[in-house]
Amino acid sequence: MTGRTRAGVVRGYTLTDGQPDRPALDDASLLQAAGDCVPAGLPAHARRVVELCSDGVLAVADVAMVLALPSGVVRAIVSALVDDGHLVTRRPFVPAARPTDRALLERLLGALQRI
């Protein structure tokens, strides 16, 4: 390693002020803006996250894709925005599992074995 850095490369910790992401957030966590307007004085990436989430609910992975940032960096930015009350997070909706129909599974297995 020569100690030189590539032009245009920004380390993730410079975008997040060195703050780690919170463990409760994952890429499927849903984000929604807490207010109707984007607060003044936010850093550029944080402002963009709030703008994106003010139109509706987005997952962390969606925000990371739009901003072209690693999801870990976006989770750290989102964590700070949640702590400051600018964003609300929700767990993704996962419907409750229904009891398994054993007879259906046995018919399916039999059909697969005949192929």
C-alpha atoms as a PDB file:
ATOM      1  CA  MET A   1       0.000   0.000   0.000  1.00  0.00           C
ATOM      2  CA  THR A   2       1.393   3.357  -0.966  1.00  0.00           C
ATOM      3  CA  GLY A   3      -0.606   5.509   1.447  1.00  0.00           C
ATOM      4  CA  ARG A   4      -2.256   7.417  -1.390  1.00  0.00           C
ATOM      5  CA  THR A   5      -6.021   7.770  -1.597  1.00  0.00           C
ATOM      6  CA  ARG A   6      -8.106   7.680  -4.725  1.00  0.00           C
ATOM      7  CA  ALA A   7      -9.752  10.893  -5.813  1.00  0.00           C
ATOM      8  CA  GLY A   8     -13.475  11.015  -5.078  1.00  0.00           C
ATOM      9  CA  VAL A   9     -13.417   8.318  -2.391  1.00  0.00           C
ATOM     10  CA  VAL A  10     -15.171   9.353   0.802  1.00  0.00           C
ATOM     11  CA  ARG A  11     -14.897   7.143   3.865  1.00  0.00           C
ATOM     12  CA  GLY A  12     -18.210   6.136   5.396  1.00  0.00           C
ATOM     13  CA  TYR A  13     -17.334   7.479   8.832  1.00  0.00           C
ATOM     14  CA  THR A  14     -16.970  10.992   7.412  1.00  0.00           C
ATOM     15  CA  LEU A  15     -20.614  10.925   6.301  1.00  0.00           C
ATOM     16  CA  THR A  16     -21.840   9.665   9.675  1.00  0.00           C
ATOM     17  CA  ASP A  17     -19.583  11.726  11.977  1.00  0.00           C
ATOM     18  CA  GLY A  18     -18.143   8.434  13.188  1.00  0.00           C
ATOM     19  CA  GLN A  19     -21.473   7.270  14.632  1.00  0.00           C
ATOM     20  CA  PRO A  20     -22.183   3.524  14.335  1.00  0.00           C
ATOM     21  CA  ASP A  21     -25.536   2.233  13.147  1.00  0.00           C
ATOM     22  CA  ARG A  22     -28.006   0.866  15.662  1.00  0.00           C
ATOM     23  CA  PRO A  23     -28.389  -2.908  15.799  1.00  0.00           C
ATOM     24  CA  ALA A  24     -32.213  -2.776  15.656  1.00  0.00           C
ATOM     25  CA  LEU A  25     -32.107  -1.357  12.114  1.00  0.00           C
ATOM     26  CA  ASP A  26     -31.653  -3.662   9.169  1.00  0.00           C
ATOM     27  CA  ASP A  27     -32.017  -3.256   5.417  1.00  0.00           C
ATOM     28  CA  ALA A  28     -35.721  -4.132   5.576  1.00  0.00           C
ATOM     29  CA  SER A  29     -36.549  -1.564   8.287  1.00  0.00           C
ATOM     30  CA  LEU A  30     -39.181   0.877   7.038  1.00  0.00           C
ATOM     31  CA  LEU A  31     -38.583   4.619   7.300  1.00  0.00           C
ATOM     32  CA  GLN A  32     -41.062   7.494   7.342  1.00  0.00           C
ATOM     33  CA  ALA A  33     -40.497  11.205   7.887  1.00  0.00           C
ATOM     34  CA  ALA A  34     -41.803  12.389  11.249  1.00  0.00           C
ATOM     35  CA  GLY A  35     -42.852  15.827  10.001  1.00  0.00           C
ATOM     36  CA  ASP A  36     -44.183  17.502   6.901  1.00  0.00           C
ATOM     37  CA  CYS A  37     -41.117  19.595   6.131  1.00  0.00           C
ATOM     38  CA  VAL A  38     -37.395  18.941   5.958  1.00  0.00           C
ATOM     39  CA  PRO A  39     -35.664  20.639   8.896  1.00  0.00           C
ATOM     40  CA  ALA A  40     -33.012  23.225   8.097  1.00  0.00           C
ATOM     41  CA  GLY A  41     -29.419  22.659   9.115  1.00  0.00           C
ATOM     42  CA  LEU A  42     -29.180  18.950   8.343  1.00  0.00           C
ATOM     43  CA  PRO A  43     -26.104  17.624   6.521  1.00  0.00           C
ATOM     44  CA  ALA A  44     -26.687  16.972   2.811  1.00  0.00           C
ATOM     45  CA  HIS A  45     -27.104  13.187   3.025  1.00  0.00           C
ATOM     46  CA  ALA A  46     -29.365  13.392   6.078  1.00  0.00           C
ATOM     47  CA  ARG A  47     -31.495  16.033   4.353  1.00  0.00           C
ATOM     48  CA  ARG A  48     -31.799  13.800   1.275  1.00  0.00           C
ATOM     49  CA  VAL A  49     -32.888  10.825   3.422  1.00  0.00           C
ATOM     50  CA  VAL A  50     -35.651  12.907   5.052  1.00  0.00           C
ATOM     51  CA  GLU A  51     -36.731  14.221   1.634  1.00  0.00           C
ATOM     52  CA  LEU A  52     -36.971  10.684   0.259  1.00  0.00           C
ATOM     53  CA  CYS A  53     -38.980   9.479   3.249  1.00  0.00           C
ATOM     54  CA  SER A  54     -41.353  12.454   3.256  1.00  0.00           C
ATOM     55  CA  ASP A  55     -43.018  11.113   0.085  1.00  0.00           C
ATOM     56  CA  GLY A  56     -43.951   7.829   1.759  1.00  0.00           C
ATOM     57  CA  VAL A  57     -42.488   4.786   3.446  1.00  0.00           C
ATOM     58  CA  LEU A  58     -39.151   3.434   2.205  1.00  0.00           C
ATOM     59  CA  ALA A  59     -36.900   0.628   3.366  1.00  0.00           C
ATOM     60  CA  VAL A  60     -33.307   1.318   4.383  1.00  0.00           C
ATOM     61  CA  ALA A  61     -32.155  -0.712   1.360  1.00  0.00           C
ATOM     62  CA  ASP A  62     -34.202   1.511  -0.978  1.00  0.00           C
ATOM     63  CA  VAL A  63     -32.682   4.671   0.476  1.00  0.00           C
ATOM     64  CA  ALA A  64     -29.190   3.185   0.184  1.00  0.00           C
ATOM     65  CA  MET A  65     -29.811   2.344  -3.460  1.00  0.00           C
ATOM     66  CA  VAL A  66     -31.095   5.826  -4.325  1.00  0.00           C
ATOM     67  CA  LEU A  67     -28.205   7.531  -2.526  1.00  0.00           C
ATOM     68  CA  ALA A  68     -25.646   5.018  -3.873  1.00  0.00           C
ATOM     69  CA  LEU A  69     -24.241   4.557  -0.364  1.00  0.00           C
ATOM     70  CA  PRO A  70     -23.496   1.374   1.579  1.00  0.00           C
ATOM     71  CA  SER A  71     -26.433   0.303   3.736  1.00  0.00           C
ATOM     72  CA  GLY A  72     -24.280   0.501   6.877  1.00  0.00           C
ATOM     73  CA  VAL A  73     -23.636   4.180   6.212  1.00  0.00           C
ATOM     74  CA  VAL A  74     -27.341   4.793   5.571  1.00  0.00           C
ATOM     75  CA  ARG A  75     -28.249   2.940   8.795  1.00  0.00           C
ATOM     76  CA  ALA A  76     -25.895   5.232  10.744  1.00  0.00           C
ATOM     77  CA  ILE A  77     -27.412   8.349   9.133  1.00  0.00           C
ATOM     78  CA  VAL A  78     -30.930   7.025   9.807  1.00  0.00           C
ATOM     79  CA  SER A  79     -30.026   6.234  13.435  1.00  0.00           C
ATOM     80  CA  ALA A  80     -29.050   9.852  14.026  1.00  0.00           C
ATOM     81  CA  LEU A  81     -32.229  11.076  12.308  1.00  0.00           C
ATOM     82  CA  VAL A  82     -34.375   8.779  14.466  1.00  0.00           C
ATOM     83  CA  ASP A  83     -32.595   9.943  17.629  1.00  0.00           C
ATOM     84  CA  ASP A  84     -33.260  13.569  16.633  1.00  0.00           C
ATOM     85  CA  GLY A  85     -36.944  12.838  15.907  1.00  0.00           C
ATOM     86  CA  HIS A  86     -36.813  13.477  12.150  1.00  0.00           C
ATOM     87  CA  LEU A  87     -37.616   9.886  11.127  1.00  0.00           C
ATOM     88  CA  VAL A  88     -39.806   7.095  12.452  1.00  0.00           C
ATOM     89  CA  THR A  89     -38.844   3.454  11.876  1.00  0.00           C
ATOM     90  CA  ARG A  90     -41.095   0.443  11.666  1.00  0.00           C
ATOM     91  CA  ARG A  91     -40.429  -3.245  11.325  1.00  0.00           C
ATOM     92  CA  PRO A  92     -41.591  -4.643   7.980  1.00  0.00           C
ATOM     93  CA  PHE A  93     -44.997  -6.298   7.977  1.00  0.00           C
ATOM     94  CA  VAL A  94     -44.718 -10.065   7.955  1.00  0.00           C
ATOM     95  CA  PRO A  95     -48.020 -11.946   7.998  1.00  0.00           C
ATOM     96  CA  ALA A  96     -48.420 -14.591  10.653  1.00  0.00           C
ATOM     97  CA  ALA A  97     -47.699 -18.120   9.482  1.00  0.00           C
ATOM     98  CA  ARG A  98     -50.658 -20.422   9.010  1.00  0.00           C
ATOM     99  CA  PRO A  99     -50.674 -24.038  10.126  1.00  0.00           C
ATOM    100  CA  THR A 100     -49.133 -26.351   7.551  1.00  0.00           C
ATOM    101  CA  ASP A 101     -51.490 -28.662   5.671  1.00  0.00           C
ATOM    102  CA  ARG A 102     -49.645 -31.967   5.978  1.00  0.00           C
ATOM    103  CA  ALA A 103     -51.781 -33.726   3.358  1.00  0.00           C
ATOM    104  CA  LEU A 104     -51.011 -31.011   0.796  1.00  0.00           C
ATOM    105  CA  LEU A 105     -47.280 -31.277   1.501  1.00  0.00           C
ATOM    106  CA  GLU A 106     -47.391 -35.063   1.123  1.00  0.00           C
ATOM    107  CA  ARG A 107     -49.201 -34.773  -2.236  1.00  0.00           C
ATOM    108  CA  LEU A 108     -46.647 -32.203  -3.373  1.00  0.00           C
ATOM    109  CA  LEU A 109     -43.762 -34.440  -2.312  1.00  0.00           C
ATOM    110  CA  GLY A 110     -45.291 -37.391  -4.133  1.00  0.00           C
ATOM    111  CA  ALA A 111     -45.716 -35.335  -7.313  1.00  0.00           C
ATOM    112  CA  LEU A 112     -42.114 -34.143  -7.141  1.00  0.00           C
ATOM    113  CA  GLN A 113     -40.825 -37.685  -6.655  1.00  0.00           C
ATOM    114  CA  ARG A 114     -42.718 -38.838  -9.755  1.00  0.00           C
ATOM    115  CA  ILE A 115     -40.992 -36.255 -11.939  1.00  0.00           C
END
